[in-house]
Amino acid sequence: MATTILTILICAPVYGILVWTYFYPEDSMLFLERWKYNEEPEFSELAIANAKFSAVFGIYIITIFILITIFQHYFFSLLFVLGIFLFIVYYLLALRKKFIK
């Protein structure tokens, strides 16, 4: 019980940061680095897509990790491994589609 509560308390801020990164990728890429630039830098579409993918991937990993901690069932471990594989394949196909255009 204590492990579950501690896991959720530790993962909640990281989960919030990942949601913020998904909705505001430019701001999250400049977090604590804005002082380095005189003007607002422009990020490429690829960099923004990569930040959004990383955020979704992190949200997925944290969600499955919390489910594994709470329920401790082998189904969630299998879902974790399959989900990681499918996320990576989907992202590579999406990148390929962008570069072909």
N, C-alpha and C. Protein backbone atom coordinates (compact mmCIF):
# COMPACT_ATOMS: atom_id res chain seq x y z
N MET A 1 0.82 -1.19 0.00
CA MET A 1 0.00 0.00 0.00
C MET A 1 0.86 1.26 0.00
N ALA A 2 1.88 1.27 0.85
CA ALA A 2 2.77 2.44 0.92
C ALA A 2 3.54 2.62 -0.38
N THR A 3 3.91 1.50 -1.01
CA THR A 3 4.63 1.57 -2.28
C THR A 3 3.76 2.20 -3.36
N THR A 4 2.50 1.86 -3.39
CA THR A 4 1.58 2.42 -4.38
C THR A 4 1.41 3.91 -4.18
N ILE A 5 1.21 4.34 -2.96
CA ILE A 5 1.03 5.76 -2.67
C ILE A 5 2.29 6.54 -3.00
N LEU A 6 3.43 6.01 -2.63
CA LEU A 6 4.70 6.67 -2.91
C LEU A 6 4.96 6.75 -4.41
N THR A 7 4.64 5.70 -5.13
CA THR A 7 4.81 5.70 -6.58
C THR A 7 3.94 6.76 -7.23
N ILE A 8 2.71 6.87 -6.82
CA ILE A 8 1.80 7.87 -7.39
C ILE A 8 2.27 9.28 -7.04
N LEU A 9 2.71 9.49 -5.82
CA LEU A 9 3.19 10.81 -5.42
C LEU A 9 4.44 11.24 -6.20
N ILE A 10 5.30 10.30 -6.48
CA ILE A 10 6.51 10.62 -7.23
C ILE A 10 6.20 10.81 -8.71
N CYS A 11 5.30 10.03 -9.24
CA CYS A 11 5.00 10.09 -10.68
C CYS A 11 4.07 11.24 -11.06
N ALA A 12 3.29 11.77 -10.14
CA ALA A 12 2.32 12.82 -10.46
C ALA A 12 2.96 14.08 -11.03
N PRO A 13 4.03 14.62 -10.44
CA PRO A 13 4.65 15.82 -11.03
C PRO A 13 5.25 15.53 -12.42
N VAL A 14 5.84 14.37 -12.57
CA VAL A 14 6.42 14.01 -13.87
C VAL A 14 5.31 13.89 -14.91
N TYR A 15 4.20 13.32 -14.52
CA TYR A 15 3.04 13.19 -15.39
C TYR A 15 2.55 14.58 -15.82
N GLY A 16 2.48 15.51 -14.88
CA GLY A 16 2.06 16.88 -15.18
C GLY A 16 3.01 17.57 -16.15
N ILE A 17 4.30 17.38 -15.95
CA ILE A 17 5.28 17.98 -16.85
C ILE A 17 5.15 17.40 -18.25
N LEU A 18 4.90 16.12 -18.35
CA LEU A 18 4.73 15.50 -19.67
C LEU A 18 3.48 15.99 -20.38
N VAL A 19 2.40 16.20 -19.64
CA VAL A 19 1.18 16.76 -20.25
C VAL A 19 1.45 18.18 -20.72
N TRP A 20 2.15 18.96 -19.92
CA TRP A 20 2.52 20.32 -20.32
C TRP A 20 3.41 20.30 -21.56
N THR A 21 4.34 19.37 -21.62
CA THR A 21 5.22 19.24 -22.79
C THR A 21 4.42 18.90 -24.04
N TYR A 22 3.40 18.08 -23.91
CA TYR A 22 2.60 17.73 -25.08
C TYR A 22 1.83 18.94 -25.61
N PHE A 23 1.23 19.72 -24.72
CA PHE A 23 0.41 20.85 -25.16
C PHE A 23 1.23 22.09 -25.51
N TYR A 24 2.39 22.27 -24.90
CA TYR A 24 3.24 23.44 -25.16
C TYR A 24 4.68 22.98 -25.40
N PRO A 25 4.95 22.33 -26.55
CA PRO A 25 6.29 21.78 -26.76
C PRO A 25 7.38 22.85 -26.87
N GLU A 26 7.05 24.01 -27.47
CA GLU A 26 8.08 25.06 -27.59
C GLU A 26 8.49 25.59 -26.23
N ASP A 27 7.51 25.84 -25.37
CA ASP A 27 7.82 26.34 -24.03
C ASP A 27 8.60 25.32 -23.21
N SER A 28 8.25 24.06 -23.36
CA SER A 28 8.96 23.04 -22.58
C SER A 28 10.39 22.85 -23.07
N MET A 29 10.63 23.05 -24.37
CA MET A 29 12.00 22.94 -24.87
C MET A 29 12.85 24.11 -24.42
N LEU A 30 12.22 25.24 -24.11
CA LEU A 30 12.95 26.41 -23.64
C LEU A 30 13.00 26.52 -22.12
N PHE A 31 12.39 25.56 -21.43
CA PHE A 31 12.34 25.61 -19.97
C PHE A 31 13.75 25.66 -19.38
N LEU A 32 14.01 26.70 -18.60
CA LEU A 32 15.31 26.96 -17.96
C LEU A 32 16.45 27.20 -18.96
N GLU A 33 16.12 27.44 -20.23
CA GLU A 33 17.15 27.73 -21.23
C GLU A 33 16.85 29.00 -22.00
N ARG A 34 15.79 29.69 -21.65
CA ARG A 34 15.39 30.89 -22.38
C ARG A 34 16.44 31.98 -22.26
N TRP A 35 17.18 32.01 -21.17
CA TRP A 35 18.18 33.04 -20.94
C TRP A 35 19.33 32.98 -21.95
N LYS A 36 19.49 31.87 -22.63
CA LYS A 36 20.59 31.71 -23.58
C LYS A 36 20.36 32.47 -24.89
N TYR A 37 19.12 32.87 -25.15
CA TYR A 37 18.77 33.45 -26.45
C TYR A 37 18.32 34.90 -26.30
N ASN A 38 18.77 35.74 -27.25
CA ASN A 38 18.31 37.13 -27.28
C ASN A 38 16.90 37.21 -27.85
N GLU A 39 16.64 36.39 -28.86
CA GLU A 39 15.33 36.37 -29.49
C GLU A 39 14.71 34.98 -29.31
N GLU A 40 13.44 34.92 -29.60
CA GLU A 40 12.72 33.64 -29.49
C GLU A 40 13.20 32.70 -30.60
N PRO A 41 13.77 31.54 -30.26
CA PRO A 41 14.23 30.63 -31.32
C PRO A 41 13.06 29.93 -32.01
N GLU A 42 13.30 29.53 -33.25
CA GLU A 42 12.28 28.79 -34.01
C GLU A 42 12.66 27.33 -34.01
N PHE A 43 11.70 26.49 -33.66
CA PHE A 43 11.94 25.06 -33.65
C PHE A 43 11.36 24.44 -34.92
N SER A 44 12.02 23.43 -35.43
CA SER A 44 11.52 22.76 -36.63
C SER A 44 10.31 21.90 -36.28
N GLU A 45 9.58 21.55 -37.33
CA GLU A 45 8.41 20.68 -37.11
C GLU A 45 8.83 19.33 -36.56
N LEU A 46 10.00 18.86 -36.98
CA LEU A 46 10.51 17.58 -36.49
C LEU A 46 10.81 17.64 -35.00
N ALA A 47 11.40 18.76 -34.55
CA ALA A 47 11.70 18.91 -33.12
C ALA A 47 10.42 18.95 -32.29
N ILE A 48 9.41 19.64 -32.79
CA ILE A 48 8.14 19.72 -32.08
C ILE A 48 7.46 18.35 -32.06
N ALA A 49 7.49 17.66 -33.20
CA ALA A 49 6.89 16.32 -33.26
C ALA A 49 7.62 15.36 -32.32
N ASN A 50 8.94 15.50 -32.25
CA ASN A 50 9.72 14.64 -31.36
C ASN A 50 9.39 14.93 -29.89
N ALA A 51 9.21 16.19 -29.54
CA ALA A 51 8.85 16.54 -28.16
C ALA A 51 7.47 15.99 -27.80
N LYS A 52 6.53 16.09 -28.74
CA LYS A 52 5.18 15.57 -28.47
C LYS A 52 5.20 14.05 -28.36
N PHE A 53 5.95 13.39 -29.24
CA PHE A 53 6.03 11.94 -29.16
C PHE A 53 6.66 11.50 -27.85
N SER A 54 7.72 12.17 -27.44
CA SER A 54 8.38 11.83 -26.18
C SER A 54 7.43 12.01 -25.00
N ALA A 55 6.61 13.06 -25.05
CA ALA A 55 5.65 13.29 -23.97
C ALA A 55 4.60 12.18 -23.93
N VAL A 56 4.06 11.82 -25.08
CA VAL A 56 3.05 10.75 -25.12
C VAL A 56 3.66 9.43 -24.69
N PHE A 57 4.87 9.17 -25.13
CA PHE A 57 5.57 7.94 -24.76
C PHE A 57 5.79 7.90 -23.24
N GLY A 58 6.22 9.00 -22.66
CA GLY A 58 6.42 9.07 -21.22
C GLY A 58 5.13 8.90 -20.44
N ILE A 59 4.05 9.52 -20.93
CA ILE A 59 2.75 9.37 -20.28
C ILE A 59 2.32 7.91 -20.30
N TYR A 60 2.53 7.25 -21.43
CA TYR A 60 2.17 5.83 -21.54
C TYR A 60 2.98 5.00 -20.55
N ILE A 61 4.28 5.22 -20.50
CA ILE A 61 5.15 4.43 -19.63
C ILE A 61 4.76 4.63 -18.15
N ILE A 62 4.52 5.89 -17.76
CA ILE A 62 4.16 6.14 -16.37
C ILE A 62 2.81 5.53 -16.02
N THR A 63 1.85 5.63 -16.95
CA THR A 63 0.53 5.05 -16.70
C THR A 63 0.62 3.54 -16.51
N ILE A 64 1.32 2.86 -17.39
CA ILE A 64 1.46 1.41 -17.27
C ILE A 64 2.26 1.05 -16.01
N PHE A 65 3.28 1.84 -15.70
CA PHE A 65 4.07 1.57 -14.49
C PHE A 65 3.19 1.67 -13.24
N ILE A 66 2.33 2.68 -13.20
CA ILE A 66 1.42 2.81 -12.05
C ILE A 66 0.44 1.65 -12.00
N LEU A 67 -0.09 1.24 -13.17
CA LEU A 67 -1.01 0.10 -13.20
C LEU A 67 -0.32 -1.19 -12.75
N ILE A 68 0.94 -1.37 -13.16
CA ILE A 68 1.69 -2.55 -12.73
C ILE A 68 1.88 -2.52 -11.22
N THR A 69 2.19 -1.33 -10.68
CA THR A 69 2.40 -1.21 -9.23
C THR A 69 1.11 -1.47 -8.46
N ILE A 70 0.00 -0.96 -8.95
CA ILE A 70 -1.26 -1.11 -8.23
C ILE A 70 -1.79 -2.54 -8.32
N PHE A 71 -1.87 -3.09 -9.54
CA PHE A 71 -2.54 -4.38 -9.72
C PHE A 71 -1.61 -5.59 -9.68
N GLN A 72 -0.34 -5.40 -9.98
CA GLN A 72 0.67 -6.47 -9.97
C GLN A 72 0.18 -7.71 -10.71
N HIS A 73 -0.20 -7.50 -11.96
CA HIS A 73 -0.71 -8.58 -12.80
C HIS A 73 0.16 -8.68 -14.05
N TYR A 74 0.40 -9.88 -14.53
CA TYR A 74 1.28 -10.08 -15.69
C TYR A 74 0.72 -9.45 -16.96
N PHE A 75 -0.60 -9.27 -17.04
CA PHE A 75 -1.22 -8.67 -18.23
C PHE A 75 -0.69 -7.26 -18.46
N PHE A 76 -0.50 -6.48 -17.40
CA PHE A 76 -0.02 -5.11 -17.56
C PHE A 76 1.45 -5.09 -17.97
N SER A 77 2.22 -6.07 -17.53
CA SER A 77 3.61 -6.16 -17.99
C SER A 77 3.67 -6.47 -19.48
N LEU A 78 2.81 -7.36 -19.93
CA LEU A 78 2.74 -7.67 -21.35
C LEU A 78 2.27 -6.46 -22.14
N LEU A 79 1.29 -5.75 -21.63
CA LEU A 79 0.80 -4.54 -22.27
C LEU A 79 1.90 -3.49 -22.36
N PHE A 80 2.72 -3.40 -21.34
CA PHE A 80 3.84 -2.46 -21.31
C PHE A 80 4.82 -2.74 -22.44
N VAL A 81 5.23 -3.98 -22.59
CA VAL A 81 6.20 -4.35 -23.62
C VAL A 81 5.61 -4.19 -25.02
N LEU A 82 4.39 -4.65 -25.22
CA LEU A 82 3.75 -4.50 -26.53
C LEU A 82 3.52 -3.03 -26.88
N GLY A 83 3.13 -2.26 -25.91
CA GLY A 83 2.89 -0.84 -26.14
C GLY A 83 4.15 -0.09 -26.54
N ILE A 84 5.25 -0.38 -25.89
CA ILE A 84 6.52 0.26 -26.26
C ILE A 84 6.88 -0.08 -27.69
N PHE A 85 6.76 -1.33 -28.05
CA PHE A 85 7.08 -1.76 -29.42
C PHE A 85 6.18 -1.05 -30.43
N LEU A 86 4.87 -1.00 -30.17
CA LEU A 86 3.94 -0.35 -31.09
C LEU A 86 4.16 1.15 -31.18
N PHE A 87 4.49 1.80 -30.07
CA PHE A 87 4.78 3.23 -30.09
C PHE A 87 5.98 3.52 -30.98
N ILE A 88 7.02 2.75 -30.84
CA ILE A 88 8.23 2.99 -31.63
C ILE A 88 7.96 2.74 -33.11
N VAL A 89 7.27 1.68 -33.44
CA VAL A 89 6.95 1.39 -34.84
C VAL A 89 6.07 2.50 -35.42
N TYR A 90 5.05 2.93 -34.68
CA TYR A 90 4.17 3.99 -35.16
C TYR A 90 4.94 5.29 -35.40
N TYR A 91 5.82 5.64 -34.47
CA TYR A 91 6.59 6.87 -34.61
C TYR A 91 7.51 6.81 -35.82
N LEU A 92 8.16 5.70 -36.02
CA LEU A 92 9.05 5.57 -37.19
C LEU A 92 8.26 5.65 -38.49
N LEU A 93 7.08 5.06 -38.54
CA LEU A 93 6.24 5.15 -39.74
C LEU A 93 5.75 6.58 -39.96
N ALA A 94 5.42 7.28 -38.90
CA ALA A 94 4.97 8.66 -39.04
C ALA A 94 6.11 9.56 -39.52
N LEU A 95 7.31 9.34 -39.01
CA LEU A 95 8.47 10.10 -39.47
C LEU A 95 8.77 9.81 -40.93
N ARG A 96 8.67 8.56 -41.30
CA ARG A 96 8.91 8.17 -42.69
C ARG A 96 7.91 8.86 -43.61
N LYS A 97 6.66 8.91 -43.19
CA LYS A 97 5.62 9.54 -43.98
C LYS A 97 5.90 11.04 -44.15
N LYS A 98 6.39 11.70 -43.10
CA LYS A 98 6.70 13.13 -43.19
C LYS A 98 7.86 13.39 -44.13
N PHE A 99 8.87 12.53 -44.10
CA PHE A 99 10.05 12.75 -44.93
C PHE A 99 9.81 12.40 -46.38
N ILE A 100 8.87 11.51 -46.66
CA ILE A 100 8.57 11.16 -48.05
C ILE A 100 7.88 12.33 -48.76
N LYS A 101 7.07 13.09 -48.03
CA LYS A 101 6.39 14.24 -48.63
C LYS A 101 7.39 15.27 -48.90
